[in-house]
Amino acid sequence: MIFLDRQNSISVAENISNEIAHWAQIRPNSGAICDGGKALSFHELENALVRAQSELKELGCKSGDLVLAVGENSIGFAVFLLAAARMRLHVVLENARRVSPEIQQIIHHSEPVAQFYFHDSSLDCVGHSNFFKASIRHSSLFGEYGFIKGNNCDPYPMEANVFAIIYTTGTTGTPKGVMLTHSNLLFIARMMQQLREIKPDDQVLAILPISHVMGLASVFLGTLYSGATVYFLPKFSPEKCLELVTKNQITVLQGAPTMFAKLVEYICSHQLTGFNSLRFLGSGGAPIDENLKKDVKSIFQCDLQNGYGLTEIPSISWTRFGDVVLDDSVGLPLPGVQIQFRNSDGALCDADEVGELWAKGPNLMSGYFKNPKLTNEVVDKDGWFNTQDLGYINTDGRIYIVGRTKDVIIRSGFKIYPLEVESALLSHPHVLHAAVLGHAISGNEEVWAFIERDKDCLLNADDISSHLSMLLSPYKRPSKIIFLESLPLAANGKVLKSKLIDQFPQ
């Protein structure tokens, strides 16, 4: 088996759990992880990892095994992940909010030797345990969890340094298992310390699921790597989020733009003030419009930073502290990450010329699990990964994303990038979420817009059309505007366009 040769790769001896032992010596009594009324210091967390490894060994798990872990943000789930990492298990990570039949499909593909469903803070996991007829166990370390011992089968060959396998459907609709190494994840954790200046006295709120790469690497591991304290919140609600920010004097908060839009709406409608503890707000997964940036700055007195990456190559670029640009740039490439924009002929694009974004660096995945053919389709012989995202880089080096290659709408011969239309829609003060899709009709494509309005708002299609008339050329404006009570969102805050396609078929 041939694996991708990544530049600047970190030693296989490194492990995402090693920093726990380091901080247990340096700051043993400092808080490490908290959820609700329970908390562990670094010393207590290190002891928990030692005992957790023994418990996993008693269940028959050994180094090199592939296991499935399904859970939501909680101490039990976090202890399991760190103990599994120290044992050199390969973990198929799944968020509990995926439906059981979808998890079943992933089980069939990955063939784990054991399955874990962590019930703490997750009624969905209880449902999964029932669906798969798991045996219910109780642990002082993991809490209540469902367990299934699978059949031992010949393991699929992969790098010993692979820790997480995260399945993503992307644009293909078929789940792909992205293999991420300890090295990939540690690179991002280090960047959080260096570029986001996470320090031991920071208090970090983990709303993004740690079963997804941003929540796992940037929030969870980035916090522990720096010796700071992470507070888990399994499900986002504006009220609970702001309550924890105030109660624990949270300094760092990351999420999707949709989360910050809901926070702004809640704060304004309830006329709340007093969130002065926050010093870093970070967003990813979607563009941030100028109005949202201004609103966040006005309320929290700090800038909303943006970032860009994919599960296959997370954290490609981030905006930086002191960058006062209010547009939707996703910032500069991270140190050690290289990027190129290529046109349809494969030639490099000039500055400000839209092309397909290619990237490589120490954050590039090991490959797709059980699918070397697909890996070779997206990674060229020189190690460049095709993101299939369209964008450009300006003369200052900032990156802008305008859409995905396969999402481009061709209307009467003109190319339309859905992200551009979505950004224009989101610039309306009463549009909370927006998604734009192409709708095939008579050999052409029309632009359909799906909108979630502010609650109790009387916004209508004419209002939207009037707003867009000042922002978009006529051929880019939606021919159909559909208002929904709520747009379907993934756990990371992204709009699930696949569900809209299912609900409104062509």
Protein backbone atom coordinates (compact mmCIF):
# COMPACT_ATOMS: atom_id res chain seq x y z
CA MET A 1 0.00 0.00 0.00
CA ILE A 2 1.38 3.43 -0.97
CA PHE A 3 0.41 6.39 1.17
CA LEU A 4 0.58 10.09 0.41
CA ASP A 5 3.98 11.63 1.01
CA ARG A 6 3.22 14.82 2.93
CA GLN A 7 5.81 17.52 3.38
CA ASN A 8 6.78 18.52 6.92
CA SER A 9 5.13 15.41 8.37
CA ILE A 10 5.42 14.99 12.13
CA SER A 11 7.04 11.94 13.66
CA VAL A 12 4.85 8.86 13.96
CA ALA A 13 5.92 8.75 17.62
CA GLU A 14 3.81 11.83 18.32
CA ASN A 15 0.29 11.36 19.58
CA ILE A 16 -2.59 13.77 20.15
CA SER A 17 -2.85 12.56 23.76
CA ASN A 18 0.78 13.31 24.67
CA GLU A 19 0.08 16.90 25.68
CA ILE A 20 -2.21 15.68 28.47
CA ALA A 21 0.74 14.07 30.25
CA HIS A 22 2.80 17.24 29.66
CA TRP A 23 0.25 19.58 31.20
CA ALA A 24 -0.47 17.09 34.02
CA GLN A 25 3.11 17.72 35.11
CA ILE A 26 3.23 21.46 34.42
CA ARG A 27 -0.28 22.49 35.57
CA PRO A 28 -1.76 19.44 37.31
CA ASN A 29 -4.61 21.24 39.05
CA SER A 30 -5.68 23.42 36.13
CA GLY A 31 -9.00 22.62 34.51
CA ALA A 32 -8.81 20.52 31.35
CA ILE A 33 -12.34 19.45 30.35
CA CYS A 34 -15.78 20.27 31.76
CA ASP A 35 -19.37 19.37 30.89
CA GLY A 36 -22.19 20.61 33.04
CA GLY A 37 -21.44 19.81 36.66
CA LYS A 38 -18.47 17.53 36.00
CA ALA A 39 -14.88 18.64 35.47
CA LEU A 40 -11.43 17.09 35.24
CA SER A 41 -8.09 18.76 35.87
CA PHE A 42 -5.14 17.79 33.71
CA HIS A 43 -3.88 15.49 36.48
CA GLU A 44 -7.31 13.85 36.77
CA LEU A 45 -7.61 13.57 33.00
CA GLU A 46 -4.21 11.87 32.74
CA ASN A 47 -5.23 9.35 35.42
CA ALA A 48 -8.52 8.79 33.61
CA LEU A 49 -6.66 7.98 30.38
CA VAL A 50 -4.55 5.36 32.13
CA ARG A 51 -7.65 3.66 33.56
CA ALA A 52 -9.58 4.04 30.30
CA GLN A 53 -6.89 2.16 28.39
CA SER A 54 -7.23 -0.74 30.81
CA GLU A 55 -10.99 -0.74 30.34
CA LEU A 56 -10.66 -0.78 26.56
CA LYS A 57 -8.16 -3.63 26.73
CA GLU A 58 -10.59 -5.62 28.87
CA LEU A 59 -13.14 -5.13 26.07
CA GLY A 60 -10.69 -6.73 23.66
CA CYS A 61 -9.37 -3.59 21.96
CA LYS A 62 -5.70 -3.52 20.99
CA SER A 63 -3.31 -1.28 19.08
CA GLY A 64 -4.11 -1.14 15.38
CA ASP A 65 -7.80 -2.04 15.80
CA LEU A 66 -10.43 -0.03 13.99
CA VAL A 67 -13.37 0.97 16.19
CA LEU A 68 -16.51 3.04 15.68
CA ALA A 69 -17.26 5.83 18.17
CA VAL A 70 -20.56 7.71 18.10
CA GLY A 71 -21.23 10.50 20.55
CA GLU A 72 -21.75 14.14 21.30
CA ASN A 73 -19.62 16.60 23.23
CA SER A 74 -19.14 15.20 26.72
CA ILE A 75 -16.38 14.20 29.12
CA GLY A 76 -16.98 10.48 28.57
CA PHE A 77 -16.69 10.80 24.79
CA ALA A 78 -13.57 12.97 25.13
CA VAL A 79 -11.84 10.56 27.54
CA PHE A 80 -12.56 7.69 25.15
CA LEU A 81 -11.06 9.53 22.17
CA LEU A 82 -7.88 10.45 24.01
CA ALA A 83 -7.46 6.94 25.45
CA ALA A 84 -8.06 5.41 22.00
CA ALA A 85 -5.44 7.74 20.57
CA ARG A 86 -2.88 6.72 23.18
CA MET A 87 -3.57 3.05 22.41
CA ARG A 88 -3.07 3.74 18.70
CA LEU A 89 -6.58 2.67 17.79
CA HIS A 90 -8.03 3.88 14.49
CA VAL A 91 -11.37 5.55 15.27
CA VAL A 92 -14.26 5.95 12.85
CA LEU A 93 -15.79 9.14 14.27
CA GLU A 94 -19.51 9.72 13.91
CA ASN A 95 -21.79 12.41 15.23
CA ALA A 96 -24.84 11.01 16.97
CA ARG A 97 -27.19 13.10 14.85
CA ARG A 98 -26.61 10.99 11.77
CA VAL A 99 -29.56 8.60 11.41
CA SER A 100 -29.06 4.92 12.24
CA PRO A 101 -29.40 3.58 8.65
CA GLU A 102 -26.63 5.97 7.56
CA ILE A 103 -24.42 4.75 10.39
CA GLN A 104 -25.25 1.20 9.33
CA GLN A 105 -23.92 1.97 5.87
CA ILE A 106 -20.67 3.25 7.39
CA ILE A 107 -20.37 0.17 9.62
CA HIS A 108 -20.77 -2.03 6.56
CA HIS A 109 -17.99 -0.17 4.77
CA SER A 110 -15.52 0.24 7.67
CA GLU A 111 -16.04 -3.15 9.41
CA PRO A 112 -15.05 -2.02 12.93
CA VAL A 113 -14.00 -4.64 15.45
CA ALA A 114 -16.00 -2.76 18.12
CA GLN A 115 -18.75 -0.14 18.25
CA PHE A 116 -19.28 2.43 21.02
CA TYR A 117 -22.37 4.62 21.46
CA PHE A 118 -21.92 7.17 24.24
CA HIS A 119 -25.24 8.02 25.87
CA ASP A 120 -24.15 10.98 28.01
CA SER A 121 -25.76 14.16 26.63
CA SER A 122 -27.13 12.21 23.66
CA LEU A 123 -30.59 10.70 23.40
CA ASP A 124 -29.73 10.03 19.77
CA CYS A 125 -27.00 7.63 20.88
CA VAL A 126 -29.50 5.82 23.09
CA GLY A 127 -31.61 5.38 19.97
CA HIS A 128 -28.62 4.05 18.02
CA SER A 129 -27.85 1.54 20.77
CA ASN A 130 -31.43 0.32 20.59
CA PHE A 131 -31.39 0.19 16.80
CA PHE A 132 -28.20 -1.89 16.69
CA LYS A 133 -29.14 -3.93 19.80
CA ALA A 134 -25.99 -2.94 21.65
CA SER A 135 -25.29 -4.20 25.16
CA ILE A 136 -25.55 -1.36 27.68
CA ARG A 137 -22.58 -0.79 29.95
CA HIS A 138 -21.87 1.66 32.75
CA SER A 139 -18.46 3.19 33.35
CA SER A 140 -17.13 5.80 35.74
CA LEU A 141 -14.98 7.00 32.84
CA PHE A 142 -17.26 6.85 29.81
CA GLY A 143 -20.66 7.08 31.49
CA GLU A 144 -23.41 4.88 30.09
CA TYR A 145 -22.65 3.53 26.64
CA GLY A 146 -23.76 0.93 24.15
CA PHE A 147 -21.14 -1.61 23.09
CA ILE A 148 -20.98 -4.13 20.27
CA LYS A 149 -18.06 -6.46 19.73
CA GLY A 150 -17.66 -7.08 16.03
CA ASN A 151 -16.03 -9.89 14.13
CA ASN A 152 -12.27 -9.81 13.85
CA CYS A 153 -11.36 -9.46 10.21
CA ASP A 154 -8.17 -8.79 8.32
CA PRO A 155 -7.42 -5.09 8.93
CA TYR A 156 -7.25 -2.75 5.98
CA PRO A 157 -3.63 -1.55 5.61
CA MET A 158 -3.14 2.08 6.57
CA GLU A 159 -0.58 4.29 8.20
CA ALA A 160 0.04 3.47 11.86
CA ASN A 161 -0.29 7.20 12.50
CA VAL A 162 -3.92 7.36 11.33
CA PHE A 163 -6.19 8.29 14.22
CA ALA A 164 -9.56 9.47 12.89
CA ILE A 165 -11.60 8.27 9.93
CA ILE A 166 -14.33 10.80 9.25
CA TYR A 167 -16.94 10.00 6.64
CA THR A 168 -18.07 12.83 4.41
CA THR A 169 -20.45 12.75 1.47
CA GLY A 170 -19.11 15.88 -0.22
CA THR A 171 -20.65 16.47 -3.64
CA THR A 172 -20.77 12.81 -4.69
CA GLY A 173 -23.52 11.65 -2.34
CA THR A 174 -21.47 8.54 -1.52
CA PRO A 175 -19.78 8.51 1.94
CA LYS A 176 -15.99 8.66 1.81
CA GLY A 177 -13.84 7.79 4.82
CA VAL A 178 -11.18 10.48 5.22
CA MET A 179 -8.13 9.15 7.07
CA LEU A 180 -6.58 11.85 9.29
CA THR A 181 -3.35 11.23 11.15
CA HIS A 182 -2.14 12.39 14.53
CA SER A 183 0.22 14.61 12.51
CA ASN A 184 -2.64 16.26 10.60
CA LEU A 185 -4.52 17.05 13.80
CA LEU A 186 -1.47 18.21 15.75
CA PHE A 187 -0.57 20.63 12.98
CA ILE A 188 -3.91 22.37 13.44
CA ALA A 189 -3.60 22.31 17.24
CA ARG A 190 -0.20 24.00 16.94
CA MET A 191 -1.62 26.61 14.61
CA MET A 192 -4.30 27.42 17.20
CA GLN A 193 -1.54 28.08 19.70
CA GLN A 194 0.61 30.11 17.31
CA LEU A 195 -1.91 32.05 15.21
CA ARG A 196 -4.96 32.16 17.51
CA GLU A 197 -2.74 32.66 20.56
CA ILE A 198 -4.51 30.11 22.75
CA LYS A 199 -2.92 30.25 26.21
CA PRO A 200 -3.31 28.24 29.45
CA ASP A 201 -5.63 30.82 30.97
CA ASP A 202 -8.11 30.67 28.07
CA GLN A 203 -11.59 29.29 28.64
CA VAL A 204 -12.88 27.70 25.42
CA LEU A 205 -16.48 26.75 24.69
CA ALA A 206 -16.79 23.62 22.50
CA ILE A 207 -20.06 23.78 20.61
CA LEU A 208 -18.80 22.38 17.33
CA PRO A 209 -18.99 18.57 17.57
CA ILE A 210 -15.67 16.92 18.39
CA SER A 211 -16.68 14.15 15.99
CA HIS A 212 -16.08 16.64 13.14
CA VAL A 213 -12.64 17.86 12.17
CA MET A 214 -13.02 21.54 13.13
CA GLY A 215 -14.47 20.71 16.53
CA LEU A 216 -11.90 17.95 17.07
CA ALA A 217 -8.72 19.70 15.91
CA SER A 218 -9.26 23.45 16.25
CA VAL A 219 -11.48 23.51 19.34
CA PHE A 220 -10.82 20.37 21.40
CA LEU A 221 -7.19 19.53 20.62
CA GLY A 222 -6.19 23.15 20.04
CA THR A 223 -7.34 23.94 23.57
CA LEU A 224 -5.68 20.99 25.30
CA TYR A 225 -2.47 21.42 23.32
CA SER A 226 -2.15 24.90 24.82
CA GLY A 227 -3.03 23.82 28.37
CA ALA A 228 -6.33 25.73 28.35
CA THR A 229 -9.76 24.62 29.56
CA VAL A 230 -12.53 23.35 27.27
CA TYR A 231 -16.22 23.47 28.23
CA PHE A 232 -18.45 21.06 26.31
CA LEU A 233 -21.91 21.94 25.04
CA PRO A 234 -23.53 19.02 23.18
CA LYS A 235 -26.21 21.01 21.36
CA PHE A 236 -26.28 24.65 20.42
CA SER A 237 -28.93 27.02 21.65
CA PRO A 238 -28.35 30.78 21.89
CA GLU A 239 -29.66 30.91 25.44
CA LYS A 240 -27.46 28.07 26.76
CA CYS A 241 -24.42 29.26 24.84
CA LEU A 242 -24.60 32.79 26.23
CA GLU A 243 -25.31 31.46 29.71
CA LEU A 244 -22.07 29.44 29.63
CA VAL A 245 -20.12 32.36 28.16
CA THR A 246 -21.17 34.55 31.08
CA LYS A 247 -20.92 31.92 33.82
CA ASN A 248 -17.46 30.62 32.86
CA GLN A 249 -16.03 33.86 31.45
CA ILE A 250 -15.43 32.17 28.11
CA THR A 251 -12.63 33.76 26.08
CA VAL A 252 -12.75 31.69 22.87
CA LEU A 253 -15.83 30.74 20.85
CA GLN A 254 -15.89 29.05 17.44
CA GLY A 255 -18.79 28.00 15.23
CA ALA A 256 -20.44 28.30 11.86
CA PRO A 257 -21.74 31.67 10.58
CA THR A 258 -25.29 30.41 11.17
CA MET A 259 -24.52 30.06 14.89
CA PHE A 260 -23.26 33.62 15.15
CA ALA A 261 -26.28 34.87 13.21
CA LYS A 262 -28.58 33.16 15.74
CA LEU A 263 -26.58 34.63 18.64
CA VAL A 264 -26.88 38.14 17.19
CA GLU A 265 -30.63 37.69 16.67
CA TYR A 266 -31.15 36.39 20.22
CA ILE A 267 -29.04 39.09 21.86
CA CYS A 268 -30.76 41.89 19.96
CA SER A 269 -34.27 40.56 20.56
CA HIS A 270 -33.58 40.17 24.31
CA GLN A 271 -31.48 43.36 24.57
CA LEU A 272 -28.61 41.54 26.29
CA THR A 273 -25.19 42.98 27.08
CA GLY A 274 -22.03 42.06 28.92
CA PHE A 275 -19.94 39.54 27.00
CA ASN A 276 -16.62 41.26 27.56
CA SER A 277 -14.66 38.10 28.37
CA LEU A 278 -14.57 36.97 24.73
CA ARG A 279 -11.32 37.77 22.91
CA PHE A 280 -11.42 35.41 19.90
CA LEU A 281 -14.41 34.49 17.75
CA GLY A 282 -13.78 32.08 14.89
CA SER A 283 -15.99 30.82 12.10
CA GLY A 284 -15.65 28.35 9.26
CA GLY A 285 -17.61 26.31 6.76
CA ALA A 286 -19.32 29.19 4.93
CA PRO A 287 -18.77 32.82 3.89
CA ILE A 288 -19.41 35.58 6.42
CA ASP A 289 -21.25 38.59 5.09
CA GLU A 290 -20.30 42.15 5.99
CA ASN A 291 -23.46 42.81 8.03
CA LEU A 292 -22.84 39.81 10.29
CA LYS A 293 -19.24 40.87 10.85
CA LYS A 294 -20.35 44.35 11.82
CA ASP A 295 -23.09 43.07 14.15
CA VAL A 296 -20.72 40.65 15.89
CA LYS A 297 -18.09 43.36 16.32
CA SER A 298 -20.68 45.75 17.76
CA ILE A 299 -21.99 43.19 20.29
CA PHE A 300 -18.83 41.33 21.36
CA GLN A 301 -16.24 44.06 20.76
CA CYS A 302 -13.97 41.71 18.80
CA ASP A 303 -13.72 40.68 15.17
CA LEU A 304 -15.31 37.53 13.77
CA GLN A 305 -12.41 35.67 12.17
CA ASN A 306 -12.96 33.37 9.21
CA GLY A 307 -11.26 30.21 8.00
CA TYR A 308 -11.41 27.67 5.22
CA GLY A 309 -10.66 23.99 4.84
CA LEU A 310 -12.14 20.62 4.01
CA THR A 311 -12.24 17.36 5.93
CA GLU A 312 -9.56 16.07 3.54
CA ILE A 313 -7.26 19.03 4.17
CA PRO A 314 -8.58 21.04 7.12
CA SER A 315 -7.48 24.58 7.98
CA ILE A 316 -6.04 25.68 4.65
CA SER A 317 -6.37 29.39 5.40
CA TRP A 318 -7.36 31.70 8.24
CA THR A 319 -7.88 35.42 8.60
CA ARG A 320 -5.48 37.02 11.06
CA PHE A 321 -5.77 39.26 14.09
CA GLY A 322 -5.55 42.88 13.06
CA ASP A 323 -6.96 42.21 9.58
CA VAL A 324 -9.73 44.80 9.33
CA VAL A 325 -11.04 43.67 5.93
CA LEU A 326 -14.83 43.35 6.16
CA ASP A 327 -15.36 41.26 3.03
CA ASP A 328 -15.78 37.47 2.86
CA SER A 329 -12.11 36.58 2.45
CA VAL A 330 -11.04 33.34 4.14
CA GLY A 331 -7.64 34.81 4.84
CA LEU A 332 -4.07 33.77 4.14
CA PRO A 333 -2.73 30.22 3.82
CA LEU A 334 -1.44 28.74 7.06
CA PRO A 335 2.34 28.48 7.43
CA GLY A 336 3.52 25.34 5.64
CA VAL A 337 0.38 25.10 3.50
CA GLN A 338 0.79 25.74 -0.23
CA ILE A 339 -2.06 26.72 -2.56
CA GLN A 340 -2.58 27.09 -6.30
CA PHE A 341 -5.50 28.18 -8.46
CA ARG A 342 -5.67 26.34 -11.79
CA ASN A 343 -7.87 27.07 -14.78
CA SER A 344 -9.78 24.46 -16.81
CA ASP A 345 -6.62 23.73 -18.83
CA GLY A 346 -4.57 23.07 -15.69
CA ALA A 347 -2.53 26.25 -16.02
CA LEU A 348 -1.93 28.51 -13.01
CA CYS A 349 -4.32 31.43 -12.71
CA ASP A 350 -3.30 35.05 -12.41
CA ALA A 351 -4.22 37.11 -9.36
CA ASP A 352 -7.98 37.76 -9.16
CA GLU A 353 -8.67 35.09 -11.81
CA VAL A 354 -11.20 32.45 -10.73
CA GLY A 355 -9.91 28.91 -10.85
CA GLU A 356 -9.98 25.59 -9.02
CA LEU A 357 -8.15 25.58 -5.70
CA TRP A 358 -5.40 22.99 -5.17
CA ALA A 359 -3.52 22.68 -1.87
CA LYS A 360 -0.93 20.59 -0.08
CA GLY A 361 0.79 20.62 3.28
CA PRO A 362 1.11 18.83 6.64
CA ASN A 363 -2.68 18.93 7.03
CA LEU A 364 -3.37 16.73 3.98
CA MET A 365 -5.18 13.46 4.73
CA SER A 366 -3.51 10.07 4.45
CA GLY A 367 -6.13 9.16 1.85
CA TYR A 368 -9.65 7.77 1.49
CA PHE A 369 -10.25 4.61 3.51
CA LYS A 370 -10.46 1.53 1.26
CA ASN A 371 -10.47 3.74 -1.83
CA PRO A 372 -6.98 4.37 -3.23
CA LYS A 373 -8.50 4.91 -6.69
CA LEU A 374 -10.50 7.91 -5.48
CA THR A 375 -7.48 9.17 -3.54
CA ASN A 376 -5.41 9.17 -6.72
CA GLU A 377 -8.19 11.03 -8.56
CA VAL A 378 -8.05 14.00 -6.19
CA VAL A 379 -4.32 14.03 -5.34
CA ASP A 380 -1.86 14.42 -8.20
CA LYS A 381 1.59 12.84 -8.44
CA ASP A 382 3.18 15.87 -6.75
CA GLY A 383 0.91 15.67 -3.71
CA TRP A 384 -1.49 18.50 -4.65
CA PHE A 385 -5.10 17.96 -3.53
CA ASN A 386 -7.96 19.20 -5.71
CA THR A 387 -10.47 20.84 -3.36
CA GLN A 388 -12.96 21.20 -6.25
CA ASP A 389 -13.71 24.63 -4.83
CA LEU A 390 -13.60 27.66 -7.09
CA GLY A 391 -11.99 30.86 -5.96
CA TYR A 392 -9.16 33.29 -6.46
CA ILE A 393 -6.30 34.94 -4.63
CA ASN A 394 -5.90 38.70 -4.68
CA THR A 395 -2.68 40.68 -4.91
CA ASP A 396 -2.45 40.83 -1.09
CA GLY A 397 -2.43 37.03 -0.88
CA ARG A 398 -5.94 36.70 0.56
CA ILE A 399 -8.08 33.79 -0.62
CA TYR A 400 -11.70 34.11 -1.75
CA ILE A 401 -14.01 31.14 -2.35
CA VAL A 402 -16.84 31.61 -4.85
CA GLY A 403 -18.34 28.12 -5.15
CA ARG A 404 -17.77 24.48 -5.99
CA THR A 405 -16.89 23.18 -9.41
CA LYS A 406 -19.92 20.90 -9.55
CA ASP A 407 -22.28 23.49 -8.06
CA VAL A 408 -21.83 26.08 -10.81
CA ILE A 409 -25.17 26.99 -12.39
CA ILE A 410 -25.15 27.55 -16.16
CA ARG A 411 -28.02 29.88 -17.00
CA SER A 412 -28.42 30.87 -20.65
CA GLY A 413 -24.70 30.29 -21.12
CA PHE A 414 -23.67 32.41 -18.12
CA LYS A 415 -21.88 30.90 -15.10
CA ILE A 416 -23.42 31.62 -11.70
CA TYR A 417 -21.67 30.75 -8.43
CA PRO A 418 -24.24 29.91 -5.72
CA LEU A 419 -22.03 31.36 -2.98
CA GLU A 420 -22.18 34.78 -4.60
CA VAL A 421 -25.98 34.71 -4.64
CA GLU A 422 -26.13 33.32 -1.09
CA SER A 423 -23.83 36.08 0.15
CA ALA A 424 -26.09 38.70 -1.44
CA LEU A 425 -29.15 37.12 0.19
CA LEU A 426 -27.46 36.96 3.59
CA SER A 427 -26.61 40.65 3.38
CA HIS A 428 -30.32 41.36 3.95
CA PRO A 429 -30.75 42.07 7.68
CA HIS A 430 -33.77 39.74 7.99
CA VAL A 431 -32.34 36.71 6.16
CA LEU A 432 -31.04 34.21 8.70
CA HIS A 433 -29.99 31.35 6.37
CA ALA A 434 -29.93 30.97 2.60
CA ALA A 435 -29.16 28.24 0.10
CA VAL A 436 -29.05 28.51 -3.69
CA LEU A 437 -29.44 25.60 -6.11
CA GLY A 438 -29.63 25.16 -9.85
CA HIS A 439 -32.91 23.79 -11.17
CA ALA A 440 -32.80 22.11 -14.59
CA ILE A 441 -35.56 23.14 -16.98
CA SER A 442 -35.84 22.71 -20.76
CA GLY A 443 -32.12 22.37 -21.38
CA ASN A 444 -31.31 25.33 -19.14
CA GLU A 445 -30.87 25.98 -15.43
CA GLU A 446 -32.81 28.35 -13.23
CA VAL A 447 -31.65 29.78 -9.91
CA TRP A 448 -33.71 28.71 -6.91
CA ALA A 449 -33.22 30.36 -3.52
CA PHE A 450 -34.27 28.84 -0.20
CA ILE A 451 -34.53 31.31 2.67
CA GLU A 452 -35.06 31.15 6.41
CA ARG A 453 -36.26 34.50 7.73
CA ASP A 454 -35.97 36.06 11.16
CA LYS A 455 -38.81 34.95 13.37
CA ASP A 456 -41.99 37.02 13.10
CA CYS A 457 -40.57 38.75 10.01
CA LEU A 458 -42.92 39.66 7.12
CA LEU A 459 -40.18 39.55 4.50
CA ASN A 460 -41.52 38.41 1.12
CA ALA A 461 -40.23 37.54 -2.36
CA ASP A 462 -40.70 41.10 -3.63
CA ASP A 463 -38.55 42.43 -0.78
CA ILE A 464 -35.82 39.95 -1.68
CA SER A 465 -35.98 40.81 -5.39
CA SER A 466 -35.73 44.50 -4.62
CA HIS A 467 -32.73 43.90 -2.36
CA LEU A 468 -30.92 41.79 -4.97
CA SER A 469 -31.58 44.25 -7.77
CA MET A 470 -28.89 46.50 -6.29
CA LEU A 471 -26.40 43.67 -5.77
CA LEU A 472 -26.64 41.15 -8.62
CA SER A 473 -26.85 41.22 -12.39
CA PRO A 474 -30.29 40.15 -13.66
CA TYR A 475 -29.14 36.70 -14.82
CA LYS A 476 -27.84 35.90 -11.30
CA ARG A 477 -31.08 36.72 -9.52
CA PRO A 478 -33.28 33.80 -8.37
CA SER A 479 -36.22 32.94 -10.58
CA LYS A 480 -37.89 31.21 -7.64
CA ILE A 481 -37.72 32.15 -3.97
CA ILE A 482 -38.89 29.62 -1.39
CA PHE A 483 -39.31 30.54 2.27
CA LEU A 484 -38.91 27.73 4.78
CA GLU A 485 -39.51 27.77 8.52
CA SER A 486 -36.02 26.36 8.94
CA LEU A 487 -33.32 25.20 6.56
CA PRO A 488 -31.86 21.74 7.22
CA LEU A 489 -28.49 22.15 8.94
CA ALA A 490 -25.69 19.71 9.61
CA ALA A 491 -24.16 19.47 13.08
CA ASN A 492 -21.39 21.84 11.97
CA GLY A 493 -23.91 24.50 10.91
CA LYS A 494 -23.73 23.98 7.14
CA VAL A 495 -26.96 23.94 5.14
CA LEU A 496 -27.69 20.41 3.90
CA LYS A 497 -28.43 21.12 0.25
CA SER A 498 -28.89 17.40 -0.42
CA LYS A 499 -32.01 17.45 1.78
CA LEU A 500 -33.37 20.43 -0.13
CA ILE A 501 -32.82 18.55 -3.38
CA ASP A 502 -34.72 15.57 -1.94
CA GLN A 503 -37.55 17.81 -0.75
CA PHE A 504 -37.77 19.81 -4.00
CA PRO A 505 -36.71 17.38 -6.75
CA GLN A 506 -35.97 18.57 -10.27
